[in-house]
Amino acid sequence: ELDVQKIKNMGVYNNEMNMVAGYEVKPTFYLVDSNGTVLWCDDHL
């Protein structure tokens, strides 16, 4: 139940389908360290 603003803050908002409710999250994997630093992203495989 994430809200849209949190989805946008994480960089995974589905701009391609941004008019249809339920499709807001663009599937993504991140790998981050213990400080929250992004080490890797899968580029929406």
ModelCIF file with pLDDT and N, C-alpha, C, O atoms, coordinates in Angstrom:
data_MODEL
#
_entry.id   MODEL 
#
_entity.id                         1 
_entity.type                       polymer 
_entity.pdbx_number_of_molecules   1 
#
_entity_poly.entity_id                      1 
_entity_poly.type                           'polypeptide(L)' 
_entity_poly.nstd_linkage                   no 
_entity_poly.nstd_monomer                   no 
_entity_poly.pdbx_seq_one_letter_code       ELDVQKIKNMGVYNNEMNMVAGYEVKPTFYLVDSNGTVLWCDDHL 
_entity_poly.pdbx_seq_one_letter_code_can   ELDVQKIKNMGVYNNEMNMVAGYEVKPTFYLVDSNGTVLWCDDHL 
_entity_poly.pdbx_strand_id                 A 
#
loop_
_entity_poly_seq.entity_id 
_entity_poly_seq.num 
_entity_poly_seq.mon_id 
_entity_poly_seq.hetero 
1 1  GLU n 
1 2  LEU n 
1 3  ASP n 
1 4  VAL n 
1 5  GLN n 
1 6  LYS n 
1 7  ILE n 
1 8  LYS n 
1 9  ASN n 
1 10 MET n 
1 11 GLY n 
1 12 VAL n 
1 13 TYR n 
1 14 ASN n 
1 15 ASN n 
1 16 GLU n 
1 17 MET n 
1 18 ASN n 
1 19 MET n 
1 20 VAL n 
1 21 ALA n 
1 22 GLY n 
1 23 TYR n 
1 24 GLU n 
1 25 VAL n 
1 26 LYS n 
1 27 PRO n 
1 28 THR n 
1 29 PHE n 
1 30 TYR n 
1 31 LEU n 
1 32 VAL n 
1 33 ASP n 
1 34 SER n 
1 35 ASN n 
1 36 GLY n 
1 37 THR n 
1 38 VAL n 
1 39 LEU n 
1 40 TRP n 
1 41 CYS n 
1 42 ASP n 
1 43 ASP n 
1 44 HIS n 
1 45 LEU n 
#
_struct_asym.id          A 
_struct_asym.entity_id   1 
#
loop_
_ma_qa_metric.id 
_ma_qa_metric.mode 
_ma_qa_metric.name 
_ma_qa_metric.software_group_id 
_ma_qa_metric.type 
1 global pLDDT . pLDDT 
2 local  pLDDT . pLDDT 
#
_ma_qa_metric_global.metric_id      1 
_ma_qa_metric_global.metric_value   90.22 
_ma_qa_metric_global.model_id       1 
_ma_qa_metric_global.ordinal_id     1 
#
loop_
_ma_qa_metric_local.label_asym_id 
_ma_qa_metric_local.label_comp_id 
_ma_qa_metric_local.label_seq_id 
_ma_qa_metric_local.metric_id 
_ma_qa_metric_local.metric_value 
_ma_qa_metric_local.model_id 
_ma_qa_metric_local.ordinal_id 
A GLU 1  2 96.00 1 1  
A LEU 2  2 94.00 1 2  
A ASP 3  2 93.00 1 3  
A VAL 4  2 91.00 1 4  
A GLN 5  2 92.00 1 5  
A LYS 6  2 94.00 1 6  
A ILE 7  2 93.00 1 7  
A LYS 8  2 92.00 1 8  
A ASN 9  2 92.00 1 9  
A MET 10 2 94.00 1 10 
A GLY 11 2 93.00 1 11 
A VAL 12 2 94.00 1 12 
A TYR 13 2 91.00 1 13 
A ASN 14 2 87.00 1 14 
A ASN 15 2 81.00 1 15 
A GLU 16 2 77.00 1 16 
A MET 17 2 69.00 1 17 
A ASN 18 2 60.00 1 18 
A MET 19 2 61.00 1 19 
A VAL 20 2 76.00 1 20 
A ALA 21 2 79.00 1 21 
A GLY 22 2 84.00 1 22 
A TYR 23 2 88.00 1 23 
A GLU 24 2 91.00 1 24 
A VAL 25 2 94.00 1 25 
A LYS 26 2 94.00 1 26 
A PRO 27 2 96.00 1 27 
A THR 28 2 97.00 1 28 
A PHE 29 2 98.00 1 29 
A TYR 30 2 98.00 1 30 
A LEU 31 2 97.00 1 31 
A VAL 32 2 96.00 1 32 
A ASP 33 2 94.00 1 33 
A SER 34 2 89.00 1 34 
A ASN 35 2 90.00 1 35 
A GLY 36 2 92.00 1 36 
A THR 37 2 95.00 1 37 
A VAL 38 2 97.00 1 38 
A LEU 39 2 97.00 1 39 
A TRP 40 2 97.00 1 40 
A CYS 41 2 97.00 1 41 
A ASP 42 2 96.00 1 42 
A ASP 43 2 93.00 1 43 
A HIS 44 2 95.00 1 44 
A LEU 45 2 96.00 1 45 
#
loop_
_atom_site.group_PDB 
_atom_site.id 
_atom_site.type_symbol 
_atom_site.label_atom_id 
_atom_site.label_alt_id 
_atom_site.label_comp_id 
_atom_site.label_asym_id 
_atom_site.label_entity_id 
_atom_site.label_seq_id 
_atom_site.pdbx_PDB_ins_code 
_atom_site.Cartn_x 
_atom_site.Cartn_y 
_atom_site.Cartn_z 
_atom_site.occupancy 
_atom_site.B_iso_or_equiv 
_atom_site.pdbx_formal_charge 
_atom_site.auth_seq_id 
_atom_site.auth_comp_id 
_atom_site.auth_asym_id 
_atom_site.auth_atom_id 
_atom_site.pdbx_PDB_model_num 
ATOM 1   N N  . GLU A 1 1  ? 0.805  -1.222 0.000   1.00 96.00 ? 1  GLU A N  1 
ATOM 2   C CA . GLU A 1 1  ? 0.000  0.000  0.000   1.00 96.00 ? 1  GLU A CA 1 
ATOM 3   C C  . GLU A 1 1  ? 0.842  1.278  0.000   1.00 96.00 ? 1  GLU A C  1 
ATOM 4   O O  . GLU A 1 1  ? 0.486  2.268  0.640   1.00 96.00 ? 1  GLU A O  1 
ATOM 5   N N  . LEU A 1 2  ? 1.961  1.243  -0.725  1.00 94.00 ? 2  LEU A N  1 
ATOM 6   C CA . LEU A 1 2  ? 2.761  2.451  -0.906  1.00 94.00 ? 2  LEU A CA 1 
ATOM 7   C C  . LEU A 1 2  ? 1.950  3.529  -1.619  1.00 94.00 ? 2  LEU A C  1 
ATOM 8   O O  . LEU A 1 2  ? 1.172  3.225  -2.523  1.00 94.00 ? 2  LEU A O  1 
ATOM 9   N N  . ASP A 1 3  ? 2.130  4.792  -1.215  1.00 93.00 ? 3  ASP A N  1 
ATOM 10  C CA . ASP A 1 3  ? 1.456  5.867  -1.941  1.00 93.00 ? 3  ASP A CA 1 
ATOM 11  C C  . ASP A 1 3  ? 2.319  6.315  -3.119  1.00 93.00 ? 3  ASP A C  1 
ATOM 12  O O  . ASP A 1 3  ? 3.503  5.988  -3.197  1.00 93.00 ? 3  ASP A O  1 
ATOM 13  N N  . VAL A 1 4  ? 1.713  7.061  -4.022  1.00 91.00 ? 4  VAL A N  1 
ATOM 14  C CA . VAL A 1 4  ? 2.366  7.424  -5.271  1.00 91.00 ? 4  VAL A CA 1 
ATOM 15  C C  . VAL A 1 4  ? 3.632  8.248  -5.032  1.00 91.00 ? 4  VAL A C  1 
ATOM 16  O O  . VAL A 1 4  ? 4.629  8.050  -5.725  1.00 91.00 ? 4  VAL A O  1 
ATOM 17  N N  . GLN A 1 5  ? 3.612  9.158  -4.075  1.00 92.00 ? 5  GLN A N  1 
ATOM 18  C CA . GLN A 1 5  ? 4.782  9.997  -3.858  1.00 92.00 ? 5  GLN A CA 1 
ATOM 19  C C  . GLN A 1 5  ? 5.989  9.177  -3.425  1.00 92.00 ? 5  GLN A C  1 
ATOM 20  O O  . GLN A 1 5  ? 7.111  9.462  -3.843  1.00 92.00 ? 5  GLN A O  1 
ATOM 21  N N  . LYS A 1 6  ? 5.773  8.170  -2.599  1.00 94.00 ? 6  LYS A N  1 
ATOM 22  C CA . LYS A 1 6  ? 6.888  7.308  -2.180  1.00 94.00 ? 6  LYS A CA 1 
ATOM 23  C C  . LYS A 1 6  ? 7.433  6.524  -3.371  1.00 94.00 ? 6  LYS A C  1 
ATOM 24  O O  . LYS A 1 6  ? 8.642  6.324  -3.492  1.00 94.00 ? 6  LYS A O  1 
ATOM 25  N N  . ILE A 1 7  ? 6.543  6.087  -4.238  1.00 93.00 ? 7  ILE A N  1 
ATOM 26  C CA . ILE A 1 7  ? 6.965  5.379  -5.446  1.00 93.00 ? 7  ILE A CA 1 
ATOM 27  C C  . ILE A 1 7  ? 7.836  6.289  -6.309  1.00 93.00 ? 7  ILE A C  1 
ATOM 28  O O  . ILE A 1 7  ? 8.865  5.862  -6.831  1.00 93.00 ? 7  ILE A O  1 
ATOM 29  N N  . LYS A 1 8  ? 7.420  7.534  -6.454  1.00 92.00 ? 8  LYS A N  1 
ATOM 30  C CA . LYS A 1 8  ? 8.208  8.488  -7.238  1.00 92.00 ? 8  LYS A CA 1 
ATOM 31  C C  . LYS A 1 8  ? 9.556  8.763  -6.597  1.00 92.00 ? 8  LYS A C  1 
ATOM 32  O O  . LYS A 1 8  ? 10.566 8.864  -7.293  1.00 92.00 ? 8  LYS A O  1 
ATOM 33  N N  . ASN A 1 9  ? 9.581  8.885  -5.269  1.00 92.00 ? 9  ASN A N  1 
ATOM 34  C CA . ASN A 1 9  ? 10.835 9.155  -4.567  1.00 92.00 ? 9  ASN A CA 1 
ATOM 35  C C  . ASN A 1 9  ? 11.858 8.044  -4.779  1.00 92.00 ? 9  ASN A C  1 
ATOM 36  O O  . ASN A 1 9  ? 13.063 8.298  -4.765  1.00 92.00 ? 9  ASN A O  1 
ATOM 37  N N  . MET A 1 10 ? 11.385 6.816  -4.975  1.00 94.00 ? 10 MET A N  1 
ATOM 38  C CA . MET A 1 10 ? 12.288 5.686  -5.177  1.00 94.00 ? 10 MET A CA 1 
ATOM 39  C C  . MET A 1 10 ? 12.699 5.518  -6.635  1.00 94.00 ? 10 MET A C  1 
ATOM 40  O O  . MET A 1 10 ? 13.467 4.614  -6.965  1.00 94.00 ? 10 MET A O  1 
ATOM 41  N N  . GLY A 1 11 ? 12.194 6.382  -7.505  1.00 93.00 ? 11 GLY A N  1 
ATOM 42  C CA . GLY A 1 11 ? 12.594 6.336  -8.903  1.00 93.00 ? 11 GLY A CA 1 
ATOM 43  C C  . GLY A 1 11 ? 11.998 5.198  -9.701  1.00 93.00 ? 11 GLY A C  1 
ATOM 44  O O  . GLY A 1 11 ? 12.573 4.773  -10.703 1.00 93.00 ? 11 GLY A O  1 
ATOM 45  N N  . VAL A 1 12 ? 10.844 4.695  -9.266  1.00 94.00 ? 12 VAL A N  1 
ATOM 46  C CA . VAL A 1 12 ? 10.254 3.538  -9.947  1.00 94.00 ? 12 VAL A CA 1 
ATOM 47  C C  . VAL A 1 12 ? 8.818  3.815  -10.380 1.00 94.00 ? 12 VAL A C  1 
ATOM 48  O O  . VAL A 1 12 ? 8.032  2.886  -10.563 1.00 94.00 ? 12 VAL A O  1 
ATOM 49  N N  . TYR A 1 13 ? 8.478  5.086  -10.542 1.00 91.00 ? 13 TYR A N  1 
ATOM 50  C CA . TYR A 1 13 ? 7.121  5.412  -10.986 1.00 91.00 ? 13 TYR A CA 1 
ATOM 51  C C  . TYR A 1 13 ? 6.981  5.071  -12.466 1.00 91.00 ? 13 TYR A C  1 
ATOM 52  O O  . TYR A 1 13 ? 7.835  5.429  -13.276 1.00 91.00 ? 13 TYR A O  1 
ATOM 53  N N  . ASN A 1 14 ? 5.917  4.389  -12.806 1.00 87.00 ? 14 ASN A N  1 
ATOM 54  C CA . ASN A 1 14 ? 5.714  3.879  -14.159 1.00 87.00 ? 14 ASN A CA 1 
ATOM 55  C C  . ASN A 1 14 ? 5.138  4.979  -15.047 1.00 87.00 ? 14 ASN A C  1 
ATOM 56  O O  . ASN A 1 14 ? 3.930  5.032  -15.278 1.00 87.00 ? 14 ASN A O  1 
ATOM 57  N N  . ASN A 1 15 ? 6.007  5.850  -15.537 1.00 81.00 ? 15 ASN A N  1 
ATOM 58  C CA . ASN A 1 15 ? 5.557  6.973  -16.358 1.00 81.00 ? 15 ASN A CA 1 
ATOM 59  C C  . ASN A 1 15 ? 4.835  6.531  -17.624 1.00 81.00 ? 15 ASN A C  1 
ATOM 60  O O  . ASN A 1 15 ? 3.966  7.241  -18.129 1.00 81.00 ? 15 ASN A O  1 
ATOM 61  N N  . GLU A 1 16 ? 5.199  5.347  -18.139 1.00 77.00 ? 16 GLU A N  1 
ATOM 62  C CA . GLU A 1 16 ? 4.566  4.868  -19.372 1.00 77.00 ? 16 GLU A CA 1 
ATOM 63  C C  . GLU A 1 16 ? 3.085  4.553  -19.176 1.00 77.00 ? 16 GLU A C  1 
ATOM 64  O O  . GLU A 1 16 ? 2.306  4.623  -20.127 1.00 77.00 ? 16 GLU A O  1 
ATOM 65  N N  . MET A 1 17 ? 2.685  4.201  -17.932 1.00 69.00 ? 17 MET A N  1 
ATOM 66  C CA . MET A 1 17 ? 1.290  3.852  -17.661 1.00 69.00 ? 17 MET A CA 1 
ATOM 67  C C  . MET A 1 17 ? 0.737  4.704  -16.526 1.00 69.00 ? 17 MET A C  1 
ATOM 68  O O  . MET A 1 17 ? -0.002 4.209  -15.675 1.00 69.00 ? 17 MET A O  1 
ATOM 69  N N  . ASN A 1 18 ? 1.097  5.989  -16.515 1.00 60.00 ? 18 ASN A N  1 
ATOM 70  C CA . ASN A 1 18 ? 0.790  6.812  -15.349 1.00 60.00 ? 18 ASN A CA 1 
ATOM 71  C C  . ASN A 1 18 ? -0.663 7.267  -15.273 1.00 60.00 ? 18 ASN A C  1 
ATOM 72  O O  . ASN A 1 18 ? -1.007 8.045  -14.384 1.00 60.00 ? 18 ASN A O  1 
ATOM 73  N N  . MET A 1 19 ? -1.521 6.809  -16.173 1.00 61.00 ? 19 MET A N  1 
ATOM 74  C CA . MET A 1 19 ? -2.925 7.171  -16.076 1.00 61.00 ? 19 MET A CA 1 
ATOM 75  C C  . MET A 1 19 ? -3.788 6.043  -15.524 1.00 61.00 ? 19 MET A C  1 
ATOM 76  O O  . MET A 1 19 ? -4.979 6.241  -15.279 1.00 61.00 ? 19 MET A O  1 
ATOM 77  N N  . VAL A 1 20 ? -3.204 4.865  -15.324 1.00 76.00 ? 20 VAL A N  1 
ATOM 78  C CA . VAL A 1 20 ? -4.013 3.719  -14.938 1.00 76.00 ? 20 VAL A CA 1 
ATOM 79  C C  . VAL A 1 20 ? -3.677 3.292  -13.514 1.00 76.00 ? 20 VAL A C  1 
ATOM 80  O O  . VAL A 1 20 ? -2.539 2.917  -13.230 1.00 76.00 ? 20 VAL A O  1 
ATOM 81  N N  . ALA A 1 21 ? -4.650 3.345  -12.626 1.00 79.00 ? 21 ALA A N  1 
ATOM 82  C CA . ALA A 1 21 ? -4.433 2.954  -11.232 1.00 79.00 ? 21 ALA A CA 1 
ATOM 83  C C  . ALA A 1 21 ? -4.081 1.477  -11.142 1.00 79.00 ? 21 ALA A C  1 
ATOM 84  O O  . ALA A 1 21 ? -4.659 0.649  -11.845 1.00 79.00 ? 21 ALA A O  1 
ATOM 85  N N  . GLY A 1 22 ? -3.123 1.150  -10.267 1.00 84.00 ? 22 GLY A N  1 
ATOM 86  C CA . GLY A 1 22 ? -2.685 -0.218 -10.074 1.00 84.00 ? 22 GLY A CA 1 
ATOM 87  C C  . GLY A 1 22 ? -1.406 -0.555 -10.809 1.00 84.00 ? 22 GLY A C  1 
ATOM 88  O O  . GLY A 1 22 ? -0.782 -1.579 -10.532 1.00 84.00 ? 22 GLY A O  1 
ATOM 89  N N  . TYR A 1 23 ? -1.006 0.304  -11.752 1.00 88.00 ? 23 TYR A N  1 
ATOM 90  C CA . TYR A 1 23 ? 0.185  0.057  -12.571 1.00 88.00 ? 23 TYR A CA 1 
ATOM 91  C C  . TYR A 1 23 ? 1.299  1.064  -12.264 1.00 88.00 ? 23 TYR A C  1 
ATOM 92  O O  . TYR A 1 23 ? 2.182  1.285  -13.093 1.00 88.00 ? 23 TYR A O  1 
ATOM 93  N N  . GLU A 1 24 ? 1.257  1.670  -11.081 1.00 91.00 ? 24 GLU A N  1 
ATOM 94  C CA . GLU A 1 24 ? 2.179  2.773  -10.788 1.00 91.00 ? 24 GLU A CA 1 
ATOM 95  C C  . GLU A 1 24 ? 3.629  2.336  -10.599 1.00 91.00 ? 24 GLU A C  1 
ATOM 96  O O  . GLU A 1 24 ? 4.540  3.103  -10.909 1.00 91.00 ? 24 GLU A O  1 
ATOM 97  N N  . VAL A 1 25 ? 3.862  1.129  -10.099 1.00 94.00 ? 25 VAL A N  1 
ATOM 98  C CA . VAL A 1 25 ? 5.229  0.679  -9.808  1.00 94.00 ? 25 VAL A CA 1 
ATOM 99  C C  . VAL A 1 25 ? 5.854  0.043  -11.048 1.00 94.00 ? 25 VAL A C  1 
ATOM 100 O O  . VAL A 1 25 ? 5.282  -0.865 -11.652 1.00 94.00 ? 25 VAL A O  1 
ATOM 101 N N  . LYS A 1 26 ? 7.037  0.535  -11.416 1.00 94.00 ? 26 LYS A N  1 
ATOM 102 C CA . LYS A 1 26 ? 7.800  -0.061 -12.507 1.00 94.00 ? 26 LYS A CA 1 
ATOM 103 C C  . LYS A 1 26 ? 8.740  -1.099 -11.893 1.00 94.00 ? 26 LYS A C  1 
ATOM 104 O O  . LYS A 1 26 ? 9.680  -0.722 -11.195 1.00 94.00 ? 26 LYS A O  1 
ATOM 105 N N  . PRO A 1 27 ? 8.516  -2.393 -12.132 1.00 96.00 ? 27 PRO A N  1 
ATOM 106 C CA . PRO A 1 27 ? 9.299  -3.425 -11.459 1.00 96.00 ? 27 PRO A CA 1 
ATOM 107 C C  . PRO A 1 27 ? 10.808 -3.195 -11.578 1.00 96.00 ? 27 PRO A C  1 
ATOM 108 O O  . PRO A 1 27 ? 11.346 -3.004 -12.668 1.00 96.00 ? 27 PRO A O  1 
ATOM 109 N N  . THR A 1 28 ? 11.470 -3.221 -10.422 1.00 97.00 ? 28 THR A N  1 
ATOM 110 C CA . THR A 1 28 ? 12.883 -2.849 -10.331 1.00 97.00 ? 28 THR A CA 1 
ATOM 111 C C  . THR A 1 28 ? 13.537 -3.593 -9.176  1.00 97.00 ? 28 THR A C  1 
ATOM 112 O O  . THR A 1 28 ? 12.913 -3.810 -8.138  1.00 97.00 ? 28 THR A O  1 
ATOM 113 N N  . PHE A 1 29 ? 14.787 -3.981 -9.357  1.00 98.00 ? 29 PHE A N  1 
ATOM 114 C CA . PHE A 1 29 ? 15.626 -4.451 -8.257  1.00 98.00 ? 29 PHE A CA 1 
ATOM 115 C C  . PHE A 1 29 ? 16.699 -3.409 -7.963  1.00 98.00 ? 29 PHE A C  1 
ATOM 116 O O  . PHE A 1 29 ? 17.362 -2.909 -8.872  1.00 98.00 ? 29 PHE A O  1 
ATOM 117 N N  . TYR A 1 30 ? 16.859 -3.088 -6.675  1.00 98.00 ? 30 TYR A N  1 
ATOM 118 C CA . TYR A 1 30 ? 18.004 -2.309 -6.213  1.00 98.00 ? 30 TYR A CA 1 
ATOM 119 C C  . TYR A 1 30 ? 18.830 -3.179 -5.272  1.00 98.00 ? 30 TYR A C  1 
ATOM 120 O O  . TYR A 1 30 ? 18.298 -4.065 -4.604  1.00 98.00 ? 30 TYR A O  1 
ATOM 121 N N  . LEU A 1 31 ? 20.132 -2.918 -5.227  1.00 97.00 ? 31 LEU A N  1 
ATOM 122 C CA . LEU A 1 31 ? 20.997 -3.442 -4.180  1.00 97.00 ? 31 LEU A CA 1 
ATOM 123 C C  . LEU A 1 31 ? 21.605 -2.242 -3.475  1.00 97.00 ? 31 LEU A C  1 
ATOM 124 O O  . LEU A 1 31 ? 22.235 -1.397 -4.110  1.00 97.00 ? 31 LEU A O  1 
ATOM 125 N N  . VAL A 1 32 ? 21.416 -2.164 -2.152  1.00 96.00 ? 32 VAL A N  1 
ATOM 126 C CA . VAL A 1 32 ? 21.912 -1.017 -1.392  1.00 96.00 ? 32 VAL A CA 1 
ATOM 127 C C  . VAL A 1 32 ? 22.729 -1.511 -0.207  1.00 96.00 ? 32 VAL A C  1 
ATOM 128 O O  . VAL A 1 32 ? 22.584 -2.651 0.233   1.00 96.00 ? 32 VAL A O  1 
ATOM 129 N N  . ASP A 1 33 ? 23.603 -0.625 0.307   1.00 94.00 ? 33 ASP A N  1 
ATOM 130 C CA . ASP A 1 33 ? 24.408 -1.010 1.462   1.00 94.00 ? 33 ASP A CA 1 
ATOM 131 C C  . ASP A 1 33 ? 23.720 -0.604 2.760   1.00 94.00 ? 33 ASP A C  1 
ATOM 132 O O  . ASP A 1 33 ? 22.596 -0.102 2.743   1.00 94.00 ? 33 ASP A O  1 
ATOM 133 N N  . SER A 1 34 ? 24.399 -0.822 3.884   1.00 89.00 ? 34 SER A N  1 
ATOM 134 C CA . SER A 1 34 ? 23.776 -0.584 5.183   1.00 89.00 ? 34 SER A CA 1 
ATOM 135 C C  . SER A 1 34 ? 23.514 0.891  5.449   1.00 89.00 ? 34 SER A C  1 
ATOM 136 O O  . SER A 1 34 ? 22.755 1.235  6.356   1.00 89.00 ? 34 SER A O  1 
ATOM 137 N N  . ASN A 1 35 ? 24.139 1.765  4.665   1.00 90.00 ? 35 ASN A N  1 
ATOM 138 C CA . ASN A 1 35 ? 23.884 3.203  4.790   1.00 90.00 ? 35 ASN A CA 1 
ATOM 139 C C  . ASN A 1 35 ? 22.798 3.686  3.840   1.00 90.00 ? 35 ASN A C  1 
ATOM 140 O O  . ASN A 1 35 ? 22.483 4.875  3.799   1.00 90.00 ? 35 ASN A O  1 
ATOM 141 N N  . GLY A 1 36 ? 22.226 2.755  3.076   1.00 92.00 ? 36 GLY A N  1 
ATOM 142 C CA . GLY A 1 36 ? 21.191 3.128  2.122   1.00 92.00 ? 36 GLY A CA 1 
ATOM 143 C C  . GLY A 1 36 ? 21.725 3.628  0.796   1.00 92.00 ? 36 GLY A C  1 
ATOM 144 O O  . GLY A 1 36 ? 20.974 4.194  0.001   1.00 92.00 ? 36 GLY A O  1 
ATOM 145 N N  . THR A 1 37 ? 23.014 3.429  0.544   1.00 95.00 ? 37 THR A N  1 
ATOM 146 C CA . THR A 1 37 ? 23.611 3.871  -0.715  1.00 95.00 ? 37 THR A CA 1 
ATOM 147 C C  . THR A 1 37 ? 23.347 2.846  -1.810  1.00 95.00 ? 37 THR A C  1 
ATOM 148 O O  . THR A 1 37 ? 23.590 1.653  -1.625  1.00 95.00 ? 37 THR A O  1 
ATOM 149 N N  . VAL A 1 38 ? 22.850 3.313  -2.943  1.00 97.00 ? 38 VAL A N  1 
ATOM 150 C CA . VAL A 1 38 ? 22.553 2.418  -4.064  1.00 97.00 ? 38 VAL A CA 1 
ATOM 151 C C  . VAL A 1 38 ? 23.858 1.927  -4.681  1.00 97.00 ? 38 VAL A C  1 
ATOM 152 O O  . VAL A 1 38 ? 24.713 2.720  -5.075  1.00 97.00 ? 38 VAL A O  1 
ATOM 153 N N  . LEU A 1 39 ? 23.995 0.605  -4.758  1.00 97.00 ? 39 LEU A N  1 
ATOM 154 C CA . LEU A 1 39 ? 25.172 -0.030 -5.342  1.00 97.00 ? 39 LEU A CA 1 
ATOM 155 C C  . LEU A 1 39 ? 24.913 -0.560 -6.743  1.00 97.00 ? 39 LEU A C  1 
ATOM 156 O O  . LEU A 1 39 ? 25.834 -0.692 -7.549  1.00 97.00 ? 39 LEU A O  1 
ATOM 157 N N  . TRP A 1 40 ? 23.641 -0.864 -7.027  1.00 97.00 ? 40 TRP A N  1 
ATOM 158 C CA . TRP A 1 40 ? 23.303 -1.506 -8.308  1.00 97.00 ? 40 TRP A CA 1 
ATOM 159 C C  . TRP A 1 40 ? 21.815 -1.404 -8.534  1.00 97.00 ? 40 TRP A C  1 
ATOM 160 O O  . TRP A 1 40 ? 21.025 -1.387 -7.591  1.00 97.00 ? 40 TRP A O  1 
ATOM 161 N N  . CYS A 1 41 ? 21.442 -1.336 -9.804  1.00 97.00 ? 41 CYS A N  1 
ATOM 162 C CA . CYS A 1 41 ? 20.031 -1.376 -10.222 1.00 97.00 ? 41 CYS A CA 1 
ATOM 163 C C  . CYS A 1 41 ? 19.937 -2.246 -11.457 1.00 97.00 ? 41 CYS A C  1 
ATOM 164 O O  . CYS A 1 41 ? 20.842 -2.250 -12.291 1.00 97.00 ? 41 CYS A O  1 
ATOM 165 N N  . ASP A 1 42 ? 18.837 -2.986 -11.578 1.00 96.00 ? 42 ASP A N  1 
ATOM 166 C CA . ASP A 1 42 ? 18.710 -3.924 -12.701 1.00 96.00 ? 42 ASP A CA 1 
ATOM 167 C C  . ASP A 1 42 ? 18.156 -3.300 -13.974 1.00 96.00 ? 42 ASP A C  1 
ATOM 168 O O  . ASP A 1 42 ? 18.017 -3.987 -14.985 1.00 96.00 ? 42 ASP A O  1 
ATOM 169 N N  . ASP A 1 43 ? 17.834 -1.999 -13.941 1.00 93.00 ? 43 ASP A N  1 
ATOM 170 C CA . ASP A 1 43 ? 17.317 -1.319 -15.137 1.00 93.00 ? 43 ASP A CA 1 
ATOM 171 C C  . ASP A 1 43 ? 16.025 -1.967 -15.632 1.00 93.00 ? 43 ASP A C  1 
ATOM 172 O O  . ASP A 1 43 ? 15.805 -2.090 -16.837 1.00 93.00 ? 43 ASP A O  1 
ATOM 173 N N  . HIS A 1 44 ? 15.183 -2.374 -14.702 1.00 95.00 ? 44 HIS A N  1 
ATOM 174 C CA . HIS A 1 44 ? 13.824 -2.852 -15.011 1.00 95.00 ? 44 HIS A CA 1 
ATOM 175 C C  . HIS A 1 44 ? 13.824 -4.099 -15.903 1.00 95.00 ? 44 HIS A C  1 
ATOM 176 O O  . HIS A 1 44 ? 13.082 -4.159 -16.883 1.00 95.00 ? 44 HIS A O  1 
ATOM 177 N N  . LEU A 1 45 ? 14.643 -5.080 -15.573 1.00 96.00 ? 45 LEU A N  1 
ATOM 178 C CA . LEU A 1 45 ? 14.740 -6.270 -16.423 1.00 96.00 ? 45 LEU A CA 1 
ATOM 179 C C  . LEU A 1 45 ? 13.394 -6.976 -16.586 1.00 96.00 ? 45 LEU A C  1 
ATOM 180 O O  . LEU A 1 45 ? 13.311 -7.994 -17.273 1.00 96.00 ? 45 LEU A O  1 
#
